[in-house]
């Protein structure tokens, strides 16, 4: 957090909470990480909550109770369900959170 505050002042923002909130929102919007077929399913859902619907659409609801969700990639899940991982990745990357 200290680094964020230092950068915050360096960029010319004032110390009001509204400015800090605007800065953090702006920073989050520009640092959105692209999802790939090698992305871990659990990480994808945490980073983009709307991706849960896409995961459920292709892999089913059992994915959310499986311990493998924190280790298995979209590619692995696709292989297990005989699906094209690129189709799933494309759909997730097109989501707006």
PDB file of N, CA and C in Angstrom:
ATOM      1  N   UNK A   1       0.823  -1.194   0.000  1.00  0.00           N
ATOM      2  CA  UNK A   1       0.000   0.000   0.000  1.00  0.00           C
ATOM      3  C   UNK A   1       0.865   1.256   0.000  1.00  0.00           C
ATOM      4  N   UNK A   2       2.021   1.193   0.666  1.00  0.00           N
ATOM      5  CA  UNK A   2       2.901   2.352   0.730  1.00  0.00           C
ATOM      6  C   UNK A   2       3.350   2.759  -0.662  1.00  0.00           C
ATOM      7  N   UNK A   3       3.683   1.774  -1.506  1.00  0.00           N
ATOM      8  CA  UNK A   3       4.108   2.086  -2.866  1.00  0.00           C
ATOM      9  C   UNK A   3       2.978   2.738  -3.651  1.00  0.00           C
ATOM     10  N   UNK A   4       1.763   2.281  -3.446  1.00  0.00           N
ATOM     11  CA  UNK A   4       0.606   2.863  -4.135  1.00  0.00           C
ATOM     12  C   UNK A   4       0.448   4.320  -3.741  1.00  0.00           C
ATOM     13  N   UNK A   5       0.587   4.617  -2.446  1.00  0.00           N
ATOM     14  CA  UNK A   5       0.428   5.993  -1.970  1.00  0.00           C
ATOM     15  C   UNK A   5       1.543   6.880  -2.512  1.00  0.00           C
ATOM     16  N   UNK A   6       2.790   6.383  -2.521  1.00  0.00           N
ATOM     17  CA  UNK A   6       3.895   7.169  -3.074  1.00  0.00           C
ATOM     18  C   UNK A   6       3.632   7.491  -4.538  1.00  0.00           C
ATOM     19  N   UNK A   7       3.224   6.507  -5.318  1.00  0.00           N
ATOM     20  CA  UNK A   7       2.944   6.720  -6.730  1.00  0.00           C
ATOM     21  C   UNK A   7       1.758   7.657  -6.898  1.00  0.00           C
ATOM     22  N   UNK A   8       0.786   7.514  -6.025  1.00  0.00           N
ATOM     23  CA  UNK A   8      -0.418   8.336  -6.029  1.00  0.00           C
ATOM     24  C   UNK A   8      -0.039   9.814  -5.950  1.00  0.00           C
ATOM     25  N   UNK A   9       0.841  10.171  -5.036  1.00  0.00           N
ATOM     26  CA  UNK A   9       1.253  11.564  -4.893  1.00  0.00           C
ATOM     27  C   UNK A   9       2.174  11.982  -6.027  1.00  0.00           C
ATOM     28  N   UNK A  10       3.027  11.091  -6.486  1.00  0.00           N
ATOM     29  CA  UNK A  10       3.932  11.385  -7.593  1.00  0.00           C
ATOM     30  C   UNK A  10       3.147  11.752  -8.853  1.00  0.00           C
ATOM     31  N   UNK A  11       2.013  11.113  -9.067  1.00  0.00           N
ATOM     32  CA  UNK A  11       1.198  11.370 -10.249  1.00  0.00           C
ATOM     33  C   UNK A  11       0.371  12.652 -10.122  1.00  0.00           C
ATOM     34  N   UNK A  12       0.457  13.340  -8.991  1.00  0.00           N
ATOM     35  CA  UNK A  12      -0.201  14.623  -8.847  1.00  0.00           C
ATOM     36  C   UNK A  12      -1.601  14.579  -8.261  1.00  0.00           C
ATOM     37  N   UNK A  13      -1.998  13.462  -7.732  1.00  0.00           N
ATOM     38  CA  UNK A  13      -3.298  13.376  -7.087  1.00  0.00           C
ATOM     39  C   UNK A  13      -3.215  14.048  -5.720  1.00  0.00           C
ATOM     40  N   UNK A  14      -4.337  14.498  -5.233  1.00  0.00           N
ATOM     41  CA  UNK A  14      -4.366  15.055  -3.879  1.00  0.00           C
ATOM     42  C   UNK A  14      -4.633  13.939  -2.895  1.00  0.00           C
ATOM     43  N   UNK A  15      -4.709  14.280  -1.627  1.00  0.00           N
ATOM     44  CA  UNK A  15      -4.857  13.226  -0.630  1.00  0.00           C
ATOM     45  C   UNK A  15      -6.296  12.947  -0.235  1.00  0.00           C
ATOM     46  N   UNK A  16      -7.269  13.373  -1.009  1.00  0.00           N
ATOM     47  CA  UNK A  16      -8.654  13.084  -0.645  1.00  0.00           C
ATOM     48  C   UNK A  16      -8.989  11.634  -0.951  1.00  0.00           C
ATOM     49  N   UNK A  17      -9.917  11.089  -0.207  1.00  0.00           N
ATOM     50  CA  UNK A  17     -10.325   9.695  -0.409  1.00  0.00           C
ATOM     51  C   UNK A  17     -10.905   9.490  -1.797  1.00  0.00           C
ATOM     52  N   UNK A  18     -11.611  10.493  -2.303  1.00  0.00           N
ATOM     53  CA  UNK A  18     -12.214  10.367  -3.630  1.00  0.00           C
ATOM     54  C   UNK A  18     -11.134  10.222  -4.699  1.00  0.00           C
ATOM     55  N   UNK A  19     -10.060  11.013  -4.583  1.00  0.00           N
ATOM     56  CA  UNK A  19      -8.967  10.905  -5.541  1.00  0.00           C
ATOM     57  C   UNK A  19      -8.282   9.546  -5.446  1.00  0.00           C
ATOM     58  N   UNK A  20      -8.063   9.066  -4.233  1.00  0.00           N
ATOM     59  CA  UNK A  20      -7.432   7.765  -4.050  1.00  0.00           C
ATOM     60  C   UNK A  20      -8.310   6.668  -4.627  1.00  0.00           C
ATOM     61  N   UNK A  21      -9.615   6.749  -4.410  1.00  0.00           N
ATOM     62  CA  UNK A  21     -10.542   5.768  -4.957  1.00  0.00           C
ATOM     63  C   UNK A  21     -10.520   5.815  -6.482  1.00  0.00           C
ATOM     64  N   UNK A  22     -10.521   7.013  -7.057  1.00  0.00           N
ATOM     65  CA  UNK A  22     -10.472   7.146  -8.520  1.00  0.00           C
ATOM     66  C   UNK A  22      -9.189   6.553  -9.075  1.00  0.00           C
ATOM     67  N   UNK A  23      -8.076   6.820  -8.384  1.00  0.00           N
ATOM     68  CA  UNK A  23      -6.791   6.289  -8.820  1.00  0.00           C
ATOM     69  C   UNK A  23      -6.802   4.765  -8.800  1.00  0.00           C
ATOM     70  N   UNK A  24      -7.307   4.170  -7.714  1.00  0.00           N
ATOM     71  CA  UNK A  24      -7.331   2.716  -7.604  1.00  0.00           C
ATOM     72  C   UNK A  24      -8.232   2.089  -8.658  1.00  0.00           C
ATOM     73  N   UNK A  25      -9.382   2.717  -8.944  1.00  0.00           N
ATOM     74  CA  UNK A  25     -10.282   2.201  -9.983  1.00  0.00           C
ATOM     75  C   UNK A  25      -9.608   2.277 -11.350  1.00  0.00           C
ATOM     76  N   UNK A  26      -8.945   3.389 -11.613  1.00  0.00           N
ATOM     77  CA  UNK A  26      -8.252   3.576 -12.890  1.00  0.00           C
ATOM     78  C   UNK A  26      -7.142   2.545 -13.047  1.00  0.00           C
ATOM     79  N   UNK A  27      -6.398   2.317 -11.984  1.00  0.00           N
ATOM     80  CA  UNK A  27      -5.308   1.350 -11.996  1.00  0.00           C
ATOM     81  C   UNK A  27      -5.827  -0.064 -12.231  1.00  0.00           C
ATOM     82  N   UNK A  28      -6.930  -0.428 -11.599  1.00  0.00           N
ATOM     83  CA  UNK A  28      -7.497  -1.764 -11.767  1.00  0.00           C
ATOM     84  C   UNK A  28      -7.991  -1.978 -13.192  1.00  0.00           C
ATOM     85  N   UNK A  29      -8.563  -0.954 -13.791  1.00  0.00           N
ATOM     86  CA  UNK A  29      -9.089  -1.087 -15.144  1.00  0.00           C
ATOM     87  C   UNK A  29      -7.983  -1.259 -16.170  1.00  0.00           C
ATOM     88  N   UNK A  30      -6.823  -0.678 -15.926  1.00  0.00           N
ATOM     89  CA  UNK A  30      -5.741  -0.769 -16.901  1.00  0.00           C
ATOM     90  C   UNK A  30      -4.861  -1.991 -16.699  1.00  0.00           C
ATOM     91  N   UNK A  31      -4.991  -2.680 -15.574  1.00  0.00           N
ATOM     92  CA  UNK A  31      -4.133  -3.826 -15.314  1.00  0.00           C
ATOM     93  C   UNK A  31      -4.884  -5.153 -15.414  1.00  0.00           C
ATOM     94  N   UNK A  32      -5.967  -5.179 -16.127  1.00  0.00           N
ATOM     95  CA  UNK A  32      -6.751  -6.401 -16.281  1.00  0.00           C
ATOM     96  C   UNK A  32      -5.920  -7.435 -17.038  1.00  0.00           C
ATOM     97  N   UNK A  33      -5.742  -8.573 -16.417  1.00  0.00           N
ATOM     98  CA  UNK A  33      -4.904  -9.628 -16.964  1.00  0.00           C
ATOM     99  C   UNK A  33      -5.693 -10.470 -17.960  1.00  0.00           C
ATOM    100  N   UNK A  34      -5.092 -10.714 -19.122  1.00  0.00           N
ATOM    101  CA  UNK A  34      -5.745 -11.556 -20.121  1.00  0.00           C
ATOM    102  C   UNK A  34      -5.741 -13.008 -19.656  1.00  0.00           C
ATOM    103  N   UNK A  35      -6.843 -13.667 -19.878  1.00  0.00           N
ATOM    104  CA  UNK A  35      -6.980 -15.076 -19.530  1.00  0.00           C
ATOM    105  C   UNK A  35      -6.464 -15.902 -20.696  1.00  0.00           C
ATOM    106  N   UNK A  36      -5.715 -16.955 -20.390  1.00  0.00           N
ATOM    107  CA  UNK A  36      -5.216 -17.869 -21.426  1.00  0.00           C
ATOM    108  C   UNK A  36      -5.695 -19.284 -21.113  1.00  0.00           C
ATOM    109  N   UNK A  37      -5.433 -20.195 -22.014  1.00  0.00           N
ATOM    110  CA  UNK A  37      -5.840 -21.583 -21.778  1.00  0.00           C
ATOM    111  C   UNK A  37      -5.053 -22.197 -20.629  1.00  0.00           C
ATOM    112  N   UNK A  38      -3.925 -21.592 -20.251  1.00  0.00           N
ATOM    113  CA  UNK A  38      -3.114 -22.087 -19.144  1.00  0.00           C
ATOM    114  C   UNK A  38      -3.495 -21.469 -17.803  1.00  0.00           C
ATOM    115  N   UNK A  39      -4.456 -20.551 -17.803  1.00  0.00           N
ATOM    116  CA  UNK A  39      -4.915 -19.929 -16.558  1.00  0.00           C
ATOM    117  C   UNK A  39      -5.630 -20.961 -15.692  1.00  0.00           C
ATOM    118  N   UNK A  40      -5.370 -20.898 -14.390  1.00  0.00           N
ATOM    119  CA  UNK A  40      -6.016 -21.811 -13.438  1.00  0.00           C
ATOM    120  C   UNK A  40      -7.473 -21.358 -13.255  1.00  0.00           C
ATOM    121  N   UNK A  41      -8.386 -22.311 -13.322  1.00  0.00           N
ATOM    122  CA  UNK A  41      -9.822 -22.010 -13.285  1.00  0.00           C
ATOM    123  C   UNK A  41     -10.203 -21.205 -12.043  1.00  0.00           C
ATOM    124  N   UNK A  42      -9.706 -21.587 -10.880  1.00  0.00           N
ATOM    125  CA  UNK A  42     -10.020 -20.863  -9.650  1.00  0.00           C
ATOM    126  C   UNK A  42      -9.542 -19.421  -9.690  1.00  0.00           C
ATOM    127  N   UNK A  43      -8.348 -19.195 -10.248  1.00  0.00           N
ATOM    128  CA  UNK A  43      -7.822 -17.831 -10.381  1.00  0.00           C
ATOM    129  C   UNK A  43      -8.685 -17.008 -11.316  1.00  0.00           C
ATOM    130  N   UNK A  44      -9.127 -17.625 -12.397  1.00  0.00           N
ATOM    131  CA  UNK A  44      -9.975 -16.926 -13.372  1.00  0.00           C
ATOM    132  C   UNK A  44     -11.268 -16.445 -12.706  1.00  0.00           C
ATOM    133  N   UNK A  45     -11.875 -17.305 -11.928  1.00  0.00           N
ATOM    134  CA  UNK A  45     -13.140 -16.953 -11.267  1.00  0.00           C
ATOM    135  C   UNK A  45     -12.922 -15.843 -10.241  1.00  0.00           C
ATOM    136  N   UNK A  46     -11.791 -15.888  -9.529  1.00  0.00           N
ATOM    137  CA  UNK A  46     -11.496 -14.825  -8.556  1.00  0.00           C
ATOM    138  C   UNK A  46     -11.227 -13.493  -9.247  1.00  0.00           C
ATOM    139  N   UNK A  47     -10.503 -13.530 -10.367  1.00  0.00           N
ATOM    140  CA  UNK A  47     -10.152 -12.302 -11.078  1.00  0.00           C
ATOM    141  C   UNK A  47     -11.336 -11.721 -11.855  1.00  0.00           C
ATOM    142  N   UNK A  48     -12.165 -12.595 -12.376  1.00  0.00           N
ATOM    143  CA  UNK A  48     -13.329 -12.167 -13.164  1.00  0.00           C
ATOM    144  C   UNK A  48     -14.553 -12.962 -12.737  1.00  0.00           C
ATOM    145  N   UNK A  49     -15.269 -12.471 -11.727  1.00  0.00           N
ATOM    146  CA  UNK A  49     -16.426 -13.206 -11.201  1.00  0.00           C
ATOM    147  C   UNK A  49     -17.458 -13.591 -12.266  1.00  0.00           C
ATOM    148  N   UNK A  50     -17.607 -12.787 -13.303  1.00  0.00           N
ATOM    149  CA  UNK A  50     -18.573 -13.104 -14.359  1.00  0.00           C
ATOM    150  C   UNK A  50     -18.175 -14.358 -15.139  1.00  0.00           C
ATOM    151  N   UNK A  51     -16.918 -14.756 -15.043  1.00  0.00           N
ATOM    152  CA  UNK A  51     -16.450 -15.955 -15.746  1.00  0.00           C
ATOM    153  C   UNK A  51     -17.076 -17.224 -15.170  1.00  0.00           C
ATOM    154  N   UNK A  52     -17.615 -17.118 -13.966  1.00  0.00           N
ATOM    155  CA  UNK A  52     -18.241 -18.286 -13.336  1.00  0.00           C
ATOM    156  C   UNK A  52     -19.356 -18.845 -14.224  1.00  0.00           C
ATOM    157  N   UNK A  53     -20.113 -17.970 -14.850  1.00  0.00           N
ATOM    158  CA  UNK A  53     -21.196 -18.425 -15.734  1.00  0.00           C
ATOM    159  C   UNK A  53     -20.663 -19.159 -16.958  1.00  0.00           C
ATOM    160  N   UNK A  54     -19.544 -18.679 -17.490  1.00  0.00           N
ATOM    161  CA  UNK A  54     -18.943 -19.336 -18.660  1.00  0.00           C
ATOM    162  C   UNK A  54     -18.395 -20.706 -18.254  1.00  0.00           C
ATOM    163  N   UNK A  55     -17.711 -20.762 -17.117  1.00  0.00           N
ATOM    164  CA  UNK A  55     -17.166 -22.030 -16.630  1.00  0.00           C
ATOM    165  C   UNK A  55     -18.295 -23.033 -16.412  1.00  0.00           C
ATOM    166  N   UNK A  56     -19.367 -22.580 -15.801  1.00  0.00           N
ATOM    167  CA  UNK A  56     -20.501 -23.476 -15.540  1.00  0.00           C
ATOM    168  C   UNK A  56     -21.142 -23.929 -16.857  1.00  0.00           C
ATOM    169  N   UNK A  57     -21.225 -23.035 -17.816  1.00  0.00           N
ATOM    170  CA  UNK A  57     -21.823 -23.359 -19.117  1.00  0.00           C
ATOM    171  C   UNK A  57     -21.077 -24.527 -19.789  1.00  0.00           C
ATOM    172  N   UNK A  58     -19.754 -24.490 -19.733  1.00  0.00           N
ATOM    173  CA  UNK A  58     -18.961 -25.503 -20.425  1.00  0.00           C
ATOM    174  C   UNK A  58     -18.586 -26.699 -19.554  1.00  0.00           C
ATOM    175  N   UNK A  59     -18.290 -26.479 -18.284  1.00  0.00           N
ATOM    176  CA  UNK A  59     -17.788 -27.551 -17.435  1.00  0.00           C
ATOM    177  C   UNK A  59     -18.820 -28.089 -16.456  1.00  0.00           C
ATOM    178  N   UNK A  60     -19.932 -27.392 -16.268  1.00  0.00           N
ATOM    179  CA  UNK A  60     -20.953 -27.830 -15.327  1.00  0.00           C
ATOM    180  C   UNK A  60     -20.711 -27.288 -13.921  1.00  0.00           C
ATOM    181  N   UNK A  61     -21.669 -27.478 -13.065  1.00  0.00           N
ATOM    182  CA  UNK A  61     -21.612 -26.943 -11.706  1.00  0.00           C
ATOM    183  C   UNK A  61     -20.668 -27.687 -10.782  1.00  0.00           C
ATOM    184  N   UNK A  62     -20.317 -28.918 -11.114  1.00  0.00           N
ATOM    185  CA  UNK A  62     -19.429 -29.701 -10.273  1.00  0.00           C
ATOM    186  C   UNK A  62     -18.037 -29.108 -10.157  1.00  0.00           C
ATOM    187  N   UNK A  63     -17.696 -28.268 -11.089  1.00  0.00           N
ATOM    188  CA  UNK A  63     -16.385 -27.627 -11.106  1.00  0.00           C
ATOM    189  C   UNK A  63     -16.155 -26.801  -9.838  1.00  0.00           C
ATOM    190  N   UNK A  64     -17.200 -26.232  -9.297  1.00  0.00           N
ATOM    191  CA  UNK A  64     -17.068 -25.309  -8.171  1.00  0.00           C
ATOM    192  C   UNK A  64     -16.867 -26.022  -6.836  1.00  0.00           C
ATOM    193  N   UNK A  65     -17.162 -27.301  -6.773  1.00  0.00           N
ATOM    194  CA  UNK A  65     -16.946 -28.055  -5.539  1.00  0.00           C
ATOM    195  C   UNK A  65     -15.736 -28.981  -5.645  1.00  0.00           C
ATOM    196  N   UNK A  66     -15.113 -29.024  -6.796  1.00  0.00           N
ATOM    197  CA  UNK A  66     -13.949 -29.882  -7.030  1.00  0.00           C
ATOM    198  C   UNK A  66     -12.687 -29.207  -6.484  1.00  0.00           C
ATOM    199  N   UNK A  67     -11.874 -29.928  -5.705  1.00  0.00           N
ATOM    200  CA  UNK A  67     -10.641 -29.327  -5.189  1.00  0.00           C
ATOM    201  C   UNK A  67      -9.648 -28.957  -6.284  1.00  0.00           C
ATOM    202  N   UNK A  68      -9.789 -29.566  -7.443  1.00  0.00           N
ATOM    203  CA  UNK A  68      -8.885 -29.281  -8.557  1.00  0.00           C
ATOM    204  C   UNK A  68      -9.036 -27.893  -9.140  1.00  0.00           C
ATOM    205  N   UNK A  69     -10.086 -27.188  -8.776  1.00  0.00           N
ATOM    206  CA  UNK A  69     -10.340 -25.855  -9.315  1.00  0.00           C
ATOM    207  C   UNK A  69      -9.172 -24.900  -9.055  1.00  0.00           C
ATOM    208  N   UNK A  70      -8.400 -25.168  -7.998  1.00  0.00           N
ATOM    209  CA  UNK A  70      -7.272 -24.302  -7.663  1.00  0.00           C
ATOM    210  C   UNK A  70      -5.943 -24.786  -8.244  1.00  0.00           C
ATOM    211  N   UNK A  71      -5.987 -25.853  -9.038  1.00  0.00           N
ATOM    212  CA  UNK A  71      -4.765 -26.386  -9.646  1.00  0.00           C
ATOM    213  C   UNK A  71      -4.912 -26.593 -11.146  1.00  0.00           C
ATOM    214  N   UNK A  72      -6.124 -26.815 -11.606  1.00  0.00           N
ATOM    215  CA  UNK A  72      -6.330 -27.208 -12.999  1.00  0.00           C
ATOM    216  C   UNK A  72      -6.588 -26.001 -13.899  1.00  0.00           C
ATOM    217  N   UNK A  73      -5.994 -26.054 -15.067  1.00  0.00           N
ATOM    218  CA  UNK A  73      -6.118 -24.974 -16.040  1.00  0.00           C
ATOM    219  C   UNK A  73      -7.377 -25.141 -16.895  1.00  0.00           C
ATOM    220  N   UNK A  74      -7.693 -24.101 -17.606  1.00  0.00           N
ATOM    221  CA  UNK A  74      -8.811 -24.168 -18.553  1.00  0.00           C
ATOM    222  C   UNK A  74      -8.518 -25.243 -19.594  1.00  0.00           C
ATOM    223  N   UNK A  75      -7.275 -25.346 -19.987  1.00  0.00           N
ATOM    224  CA  UNK A  75      -6.876 -26.355 -20.971  1.00  0.00           C
ATOM    225  C   UNK A  75      -7.134 -27.768 -20.449  1.00  0.00           C
ATOM    226  N   UNK A  76      -6.771 -28.020 -19.192  1.00  0.00           N
ATOM    227  CA  UNK A  76      -6.990 -29.334 -18.596  1.00  0.00           C
ATOM    228  C   UNK A  76      -8.479 -29.644 -18.485  1.00  0.00           C
ATOM    229  N   UNK A  77      -9.255 -28.670 -18.004  1.00  0.00           N
ATOM    230  CA  UNK A  77     -10.704 -28.855 -17.897  1.00  0.00           C
ATOM    231  C   UNK A  77     -11.336 -29.124 -19.252  1.00  0.00           C
ATOM    232  N   UNK A  78     -10.838 -28.424 -20.256  1.00  0.00           N
ATOM    233  CA  UNK A  78     -11.354 -28.617 -21.618  1.00  0.00           C
ATOM    234  C   UNK A  78     -11.054 -30.009 -22.134  1.00  0.00           C
ATOM    235  N   UNK A  79      -9.854 -30.474 -21.828  1.00  0.00           N
ATOM    236  CA  UNK A  79      -9.483 -31.826 -22.253  1.00  0.00           C
ATOM    237  C   UNK A  79     -10.389 -32.858 -21.573  1.00  0.00           C
ATOM    238  N   UNK A  80     -10.659 -32.667 -20.294  1.00  0.00           N
ATOM    239  CA  UNK A  80     -11.502 -33.601 -19.541  1.00  0.00           C
ATOM    240  C   UNK A  80     -12.947 -33.620 -20.053  1.00  0.00           C
ATOM    241  N   UNK A  81     -13.391 -32.505 -20.614  1.00  0.00           N
ATOM    242  CA  UNK A  81     -14.771 -32.401 -21.104  1.00  0.00           C
ATOM    243  C   UNK A  81     -14.852 -32.432 -22.637  1.00  0.00           C
ATOM    244  N   UNK A  82     -13.702 -32.717 -23.279  1.00  0.00           N
ATOM    245  CA  UNK A  82     -13.642 -32.805 -24.738  1.00  0.00           C
ATOM    246  C   UNK A  82     -14.133 -31.505 -25.405  1.00  0.00           C
ATOM    247  N   UNK A  83     -13.577 -30.374 -24.948  1.00  0.00           N
ATOM    248  CA  UNK A  83     -13.963 -29.063 -25.463  1.00  0.00           C
ATOM    249  C   UNK A  83     -12.743 -28.330 -26.004  1.00  0.00           C
ATOM    250  N   UNK A  84     -12.991 -27.295 -26.800  1.00  0.00           N
ATOM    251  CA  UNK A  84     -11.931 -26.445 -27.331  1.00  0.00           C
ATOM    252  C   UNK A  84     -11.615 -25.355 -26.305  1.00  0.00           C
ATOM    253  N   UNK A  85     -10.421 -25.344 -25.717  1.00  0.00           N
ATOM    254  CA  UNK A  85     -10.101 -24.347 -24.701  1.00  0.00           C
ATOM    255  C   UNK A  85     -10.103 -22.922 -25.235  1.00  0.00           C
ATOM    256  N   UNK A  86      -9.730 -22.744 -26.493  1.00  0.00           N
ATOM    257  CA  UNK A  86      -9.678 -21.398 -27.071  1.00  0.00           C
ATOM    258  C   UNK A  86     -11.066 -20.753 -27.146  1.00  0.00           C
ATOM    259  N   UNK A  87     -12.081 -21.556 -27.373  1.00  0.00           N
ATOM    260  CA  UNK A  87     -13.453 -21.049 -27.409  1.00  0.00           C
ATOM    261  C   UNK A  87     -13.863 -20.502 -26.038  1.00  0.00           C
ATOM    262  N   UNK A  88     -13.494 -21.227 -24.995  1.00  0.00           N
ATOM    263  CA  UNK A  88     -13.822 -20.817 -23.623  1.00  0.00           C
ATOM    264  C   UNK A  88     -13.043 -19.568 -23.246  1.00  0.00           C
ATOM    265  N   UNK A  89     -11.756 -19.550 -23.555  1.00  0.00           N
ATOM    266  CA  UNK A  89     -10.905 -18.396 -23.258  1.00  0.00           C
ATOM    267  C   UNK A  89     -11.425 -17.149 -23.966  1.00  0.00           C
ATOM    268  N   UNK A  90     -11.781 -17.295 -25.225  1.00  0.00           N
ATOM    269  CA  UNK A  90     -12.300 -16.156 -25.996  1.00  0.00           C
ATOM    270  C   UNK A  90     -13.566 -15.594 -25.342  1.00  0.00           C
ATOM    271  N   UNK A  91     -14.455 -16.467 -24.937  1.00  0.00           N
ATOM    272  CA  UNK A  91     -15.695 -16.035 -24.320  1.00  0.00           C
ATOM    273  C   UNK A  91     -15.437 -15.321 -22.976  1.00  0.00           C
ATOM    274  N   UNK A  92     -14.503 -15.832 -22.198  1.00  0.00           N
ATOM    275  CA  UNK A  92     -14.173 -15.195 -20.918  1.00  0.00           C
ATOM    276  C   UNK A  92     -13.521 -13.840 -21.141  1.00  0.00           C
ATOM    277  N   UNK A  93     -12.604 -13.743 -22.088  1.00  0.00           N
ATOM    278  CA  UNK A  93     -11.918 -12.470 -22.346  1.00  0.00           C
ATOM    279  C   UNK A  93     -12.855 -11.411 -22.920  1.00  0.00           C
ATOM    280  N   UNK A  94     -13.960 -11.830 -23.486  1.00  0.00           N
ATOM    281  CA  UNK A  94     -14.934 -10.875 -24.025  1.00  0.00           C
ATOM    282  C   UNK A  94     -15.872 -10.335 -22.954  1.00  0.00           C
ATOM    283  N   UNK A  95     -15.827 -10.929 -21.750  1.00  0.00           N
ATOM    284  CA  UNK A  95     -16.694 -10.484 -20.666  1.00  0.00           C
ATOM    285  C   UNK A  95     -16.263  -9.102 -20.173  1.00  0.00           C
ATOM    286  N   UNK A  96     -17.233  -8.349 -19.730  1.00  0.00           N
ATOM    287  CA  UNK A  96     -16.956  -7.071 -19.081  1.00  0.00           C
ATOM    288  C   UNK A  96     -17.393  -7.188 -17.645  1.00  0.00           C
ATOM    289  N   UNK A  97     -16.439  -7.068 -16.713  1.00  0.00           N
ATOM    290  CA  UNK A  97     -16.756  -7.165 -15.292  1.00  0.00           C
ATOM    291  C   UNK A  97     -17.058  -5.812 -14.712  1.00  0.00           C
TER     292      UNK A  97
END
